Structure formats: C-alpha cells, structure tokens
C-alpha atoms as a PDB file:
ATOM      1  CA  MET A   1       0.000   0.000   0.000  1.00  0.00           C
ATOM      2  CA  GLN A   2       1.351   3.418  -0.883  1.00  0.00           C
ATOM      3  CA  ASN A   3       2.152   5.936   1.808  1.00  0.00           C
ATOM      4  CA  ILE A   4      -0.065   8.872   2.633  1.00  0.00           C
ATOM      5  CA  SER A   5       2.354  11.484   1.220  1.00  0.00           C
ATOM      6  CA  ALA A   6       2.160   9.872  -2.218  1.00  0.00           C
ATOM      7  CA  THR A   7      -1.638   9.716  -1.958  1.00  0.00           C
ATOM      8  CA  ILE A   8      -1.824  13.429  -1.138  1.00  0.00           C
ATOM      9  CA  GLU A   9       0.267  14.192  -4.209  1.00  0.00           C
ATOM     10  CA  GLN A  10      -2.052  12.027  -6.346  1.00  0.00           C
ATOM     11  CA  PHE A  11      -5.012  13.971  -4.941  1.00  0.00           C
ATOM     12  CA  ARG A  12      -3.361  17.320  -5.757  1.00  0.00           C
ATOM     13  CA  ALA A  13      -2.554  16.153  -9.303  1.00  0.00           C
ATOM     14  CA  ALA A  14      -6.086  14.781  -9.810  1.00  0.00           C
ATOM     15  CA  ILE A  15      -7.601  18.138  -8.843  1.00  0.00           C
ATOM     16  CA  LEU A  16      -5.257  20.043 -11.159  1.00  0.00           C
ATOM     17  CA  GLY A  17      -5.970  17.607 -14.001  1.00  0.00           C
ATOM     18  CA  ARG A  18      -9.698  17.373 -13.212  1.00  0.00           C
ATOM     19  CA  ASN A  19      -9.244  13.607 -13.272  1.00  0.00           C
ATOM     20  CA  ALA A  20     -12.664  12.286 -12.218  1.00  0.00           C
ATOM     21  CA  THR A  21     -11.554   8.649 -12.444  1.00  0.00           C
ATOM     22  CA  GLN A  22      -8.664   9.199 -10.059  1.00  0.00           C
ATOM     23  CA  LEU A  23     -10.854  11.254  -7.710  1.00  0.00           C
ATOM     24  CA  GLN A  24     -13.470   8.472  -7.632  1.00  0.00           C
ATOM     25  CA  HIS A  25     -10.705   6.198  -6.350  1.00  0.00           C
ATOM     26  CA  LEU A  26      -9.235   8.690  -3.829  1.00  0.00           C
ATOM     27  CA  LEU A  27     -12.451  10.012  -2.266  1.00  0.00           C
ATOM     28  CA  ALA A  28     -14.541   8.006   0.178  1.00  0.00           C
ATOM     29  CA  ASP A  29     -18.248   7.723  -0.610  1.00  0.00           C
ATOM     30  CA  GLU A  30     -18.916   9.333   2.804  1.00  0.00           C
ATOM     31  CA  LEU A  31     -16.762  12.392   1.977  1.00  0.00           C
ATOM     32  CA  SER A  32     -17.504  15.667   3.762  1.00  0.00           C
ATOM     33  CA  TYR A  33     -15.704  18.376   1.752  1.00  0.00           C
ATOM     34  CA  GLY A  34     -15.756  21.744   3.496  1.00  0.00           C
ATOM     35  CA  HIS A  35     -14.821  24.899   1.588  1.00  0.00           C
ATOM     36  CA  SER A  36     -13.343  28.087   2.995  1.00  0.00           C
ATOM     37  CA  ASP A  37     -16.608  29.968   2.364  1.00  0.00           C
ATOM     38  CA  GLY A  38     -18.424  27.598   4.721  1.00  0.00           C
ATOM     39  CA  HIS A  39     -20.352  25.364   2.338  1.00  0.00           C
ATOM     40  CA  VAL A  40     -19.939  21.612   2.500  1.00  0.00           C
ATOM     41  CA  GLU A  41     -20.536  19.050  -0.219  1.00  0.00           C
ATOM     42  CA  GLY A  42     -20.111  15.358  -0.850  1.00  0.00           C
ATOM     43  CA  LYS A  43     -18.096  13.288  -3.258  1.00  0.00           C
ATOM     44  CA  SER A  44     -20.301  13.449  -6.343  1.00  0.00           C
ATOM     45  CA  ASP A  45     -20.926  17.209  -6.070  1.00  0.00           C
ATOM     46  CA  PHE A  46     -17.227  17.968  -5.670  1.00  0.00           C
ATOM     47  CA  ILE A  47     -16.198  15.807  -8.641  1.00  0.00           C
ATOM     48  CA  SER A  48     -19.028  17.213 -10.782  1.00  0.00           C
ATOM     49  CA  LYS A  49     -18.080  20.823 -10.030  1.00  0.00           C
ATOM     50  CA  LEU A  50     -14.450  20.177 -10.923  1.00  0.00           C
ATOM     51  CA  GLY A  51     -15.595  18.640 -14.190  1.00  0.00           C
ATOM     52  CA  ASP A  52     -17.918  21.483 -15.185  1.00  0.00           C
ATOM     53  CA  GLY A  53     -15.447  24.277 -14.333  1.00  0.00           C
ATOM     54  CA  THR A  54     -17.200  25.555 -11.217  1.00  0.00           C
ATOM     55  CA  TYR A  55     -13.847  24.849  -9.559  1.00  0.00           C
ATOM     56  CA  SER A  56     -10.754  25.202 -11.713  1.00  0.00           C
ATOM     57  CA  PHE A  57      -7.243  25.136 -10.300  1.00  0.00           C
ATOM     58  CA  LEU A  58      -4.458  26.322 -12.590  1.00  0.00           C
ATOM     59  CA  THR A  59      -1.722  25.872  -9.983  1.00  0.00           C
ATOM     60  CA  MET A  60      -1.661  24.412  -6.482  1.00  0.00           C
ATOM     61  CA  VAL A  61       1.285  24.433  -4.091  1.00  0.00           C
ATOM     62  CA  LEU A  62       1.095  22.702  -0.710  1.00  0.00           C
ATOM     63  CA  THR A  63       3.523  23.782   2.019  1.00  0.00           C
ATOM     64  CA  ALA A  64       4.087  23.393   5.767  1.00  0.00           C
ATOM     65  CA  GLN A  65       2.535  19.935   5.634  1.00  0.00           C
ATOM     66  CA  THR A  66       2.221  17.817   8.752  1.00  0.00           C
ATOM     67  CA  ILE A  67       0.958  14.240   8.854  1.00  0.00           C
ATOM     68  CA  ILE A  68      -0.113  12.282  11.905  1.00  0.00           C
ATOM     69  CA  GLU A  69      -1.011   8.623  11.401  1.00  0.00           C
ATOM     70  CA  ALA A  70      -3.124   6.985  14.100  1.00  0.00           C
ATOM     71  CA  GLY A  71      -4.180   3.457  13.248  1.00  0.00           C
ATOM     72  CA  ASN A  72      -6.200   3.563  10.019  1.00  0.00           C
ATOM     73  CA  ILE A  73      -6.538   7.361  10.065  1.00  0.00           C
ATOM     74  CA  ALA A  74      -4.173  10.065   8.818  1.00  0.00           C
ATOM     75  CA  ILE A  75      -4.644  13.686   9.857  1.00  0.00           C
ATOM     76  CA  VAL A  76      -2.997  16.052   7.411  1.00  0.00           C
ATOM     77  CA  ARG A  77      -2.601  19.813   7.669  1.00  0.00           C
ATOM     78  CA  HIS A  78      -1.009  22.076   5.092  1.00  0.00           C
ATOM     79  CA  GLU A  79      -1.107  25.513   3.571  1.00  0.00           C
ATOM     80  CA  LEU A  80      -2.481  25.761   0.043  1.00  0.00           C
ATOM     81  CA  GLU A  81      -1.575  28.510  -2.422  1.00  0.00           C
ATOM     82  CA  ALA A  82      -3.291  28.351  -5.799  1.00  0.00           C
ATOM     83  CA  LYS A  83      -4.217  30.253  -8.899  1.00  0.00           C
ATOM     84  CA  THR A  84      -7.806  29.526  -9.881  1.00  0.00           C
ATOM     85  CA  ASN A  85     -10.197  30.161 -12.740  1.00  0.00           C
ATOM     86  CA  ASP A  86     -13.494  29.221 -11.086  1.00  0.00           C
ATOM     87  CA  GLU A  87     -16.381  29.639 -13.527  1.00  0.00           C
ATOM     88  CA  GLY A  88     -13.986  31.480 -15.861  1.00  0.00           C
ATOM     89  CA  LYS A  89     -13.001  34.114 -13.261  1.00  0.00           C
ATOM     90  CA  PRO A  90      -9.285  34.374 -12.451  1.00  0.00           C
ATOM     91  CA  GLY A  91      -8.517  34.283  -8.750  1.00  0.00           C
ATOM     92  CA  GLU A  92      -6.237  33.051  -6.029  1.00  0.00           C
ATOM     93  CA  ALA A  93      -6.661  30.793  -3.012  1.00  0.00           C
ATOM     94  CA  HIS A  94      -4.643  31.207   0.194  1.00  0.00           C
ATOM     95  CA  LEU A  95      -5.842  28.544   2.611  1.00  0.00           C
ATOM     96  CA  TYR A  96      -5.108  26.459   5.652  1.00  0.00           C
ATOM     97  CA  VAL A  97      -6.411  22.938   4.992  1.00  0.00           C
ATOM     98  CA  LEU A  98      -7.216  19.975   7.222  1.00  0.00           C
ATOM     99  CA  LEU A  99      -7.595  16.566   5.544  1.00  0.00           C
ATOM    100  CA  VAL A 100      -8.681  13.341   7.232  1.00  0.00           C
ATOM    101  CA  TRP A 101      -7.791  10.166   5.352  1.00  0.00           C
ATOM    102  CA  SER A 102      -8.900   6.622   6.162  1.00  0.00           C
ATOM    103  CA  LYS A 103      -6.988   3.495   5.176  1.00  0.00           C
ATOM    104  CA  TYR A 104      -9.207   1.107   3.215  1.00  0.00           C
ATOM    105  CA  GLN A 105      -8.209  -2.260   1.804  1.00  0.00           C
ATOM    106  CA  GLU A 106      -7.544  -0.649  -1.597  1.00  0.00           C
ATOM    107  CA  GLY A 107      -5.608   2.315  -0.153  1.00  0.00           C
ATOM    108  CA  TRP A 108      -6.052   5.719   1.462  1.00  0.00           C
ATOM    109  CA  LYS A 109      -9.313   7.597   0.850  1.00  0.00           C
ATOM    110  CA  LEU A 110     -10.204  11.135   1.844  1.00  0.00           C
ATOM    111  CA  ILE A 111     -13.169  11.164   4.229  1.00  0.00           C
ATOM    112  CA  ALA A 112     -13.109  14.806   5.384  1.00  0.00           C
ATOM    113  CA  ARG A 113     -11.624  18.106   4.315  1.00  0.00           C
ATOM    114  CA  GLN A 114     -12.004  21.578   5.775  1.00  0.00           C
ATOM    115  CA  ALA A 115     -10.353  24.767   4.558  1.00  0.00           C
ATOM    116  CA  VAL A 116     -10.172  28.230   6.077  1.00  0.00           C
ATOM    117  CA  LYS A 117      -8.890  31.398   4.462  1.00  0.00           C
ATOM    118  CA  LYS A 118      -5.544  32.719   5.626  1.00  0.00           C
ATOM    119  CA  LEU A 119      -5.787  36.098   7.295  1.00  0.00           C
ATOM    120  CA  LYS A 120      -3.752  38.767   5.558  1.00  0.00           C
END
C-alpha cells in the first residue's frame, strides 16, 4: 500500500488535471468536503463541479505539511496557495487545509476536508 504522502500528491494532481476517475478512487463515498466559504458538499458534487469548471485550479502548491497517522486514520494539515479560474473568473486561493484520510483495503481515501482562508 502506498504511503499517505504519495496519496496526497495524487489527490493534488487529480484536482489540477480534473481527473474524475482518479478522484473516484481517492475520495470516500462518505466524503464531507468543506470549503473556505463555509459550504460543504459530498463526493459526487465535488467531482461534478471540478468537471464542469465551477472549480478550476491552474496551480496548487502545498507547504508546511504535517501528517499524523493513528491506526487507520491520517490527519494532514497544510497551507495551500493556488491560482484559480473558477467559472472562468481568475482568482487566487490562500488557505489552511485539514484533511482526514482513512486506510481502506484498496488504499487511502479522503473522508473529510475543511479549509479556512488565511488572514492577511
């Protein structure tokens, strides 16, 4: 089974590439995906909105990452800096992100994510 760091990189690459097939594999069916504006959605909504351009990441850099593994759970925190083009509008994201991953038989799957905007 691959380590959690490699899985996080696959997740980042799948978002940048809008790779729905890879995201289907990496996201748990029970996913709770919290955005920095406060709304929360599930797996199918998140994948759909990446596919239709509601969310569009042009770049995404993850820094200051920490990983704590506890049994079948991994708690990941990092800072996310990105250039976006959500719904055709150029923008930037400056976020603190918390990810909770669960180890399934077929590998790590994201079960929860919450982001908050960095204060300037």
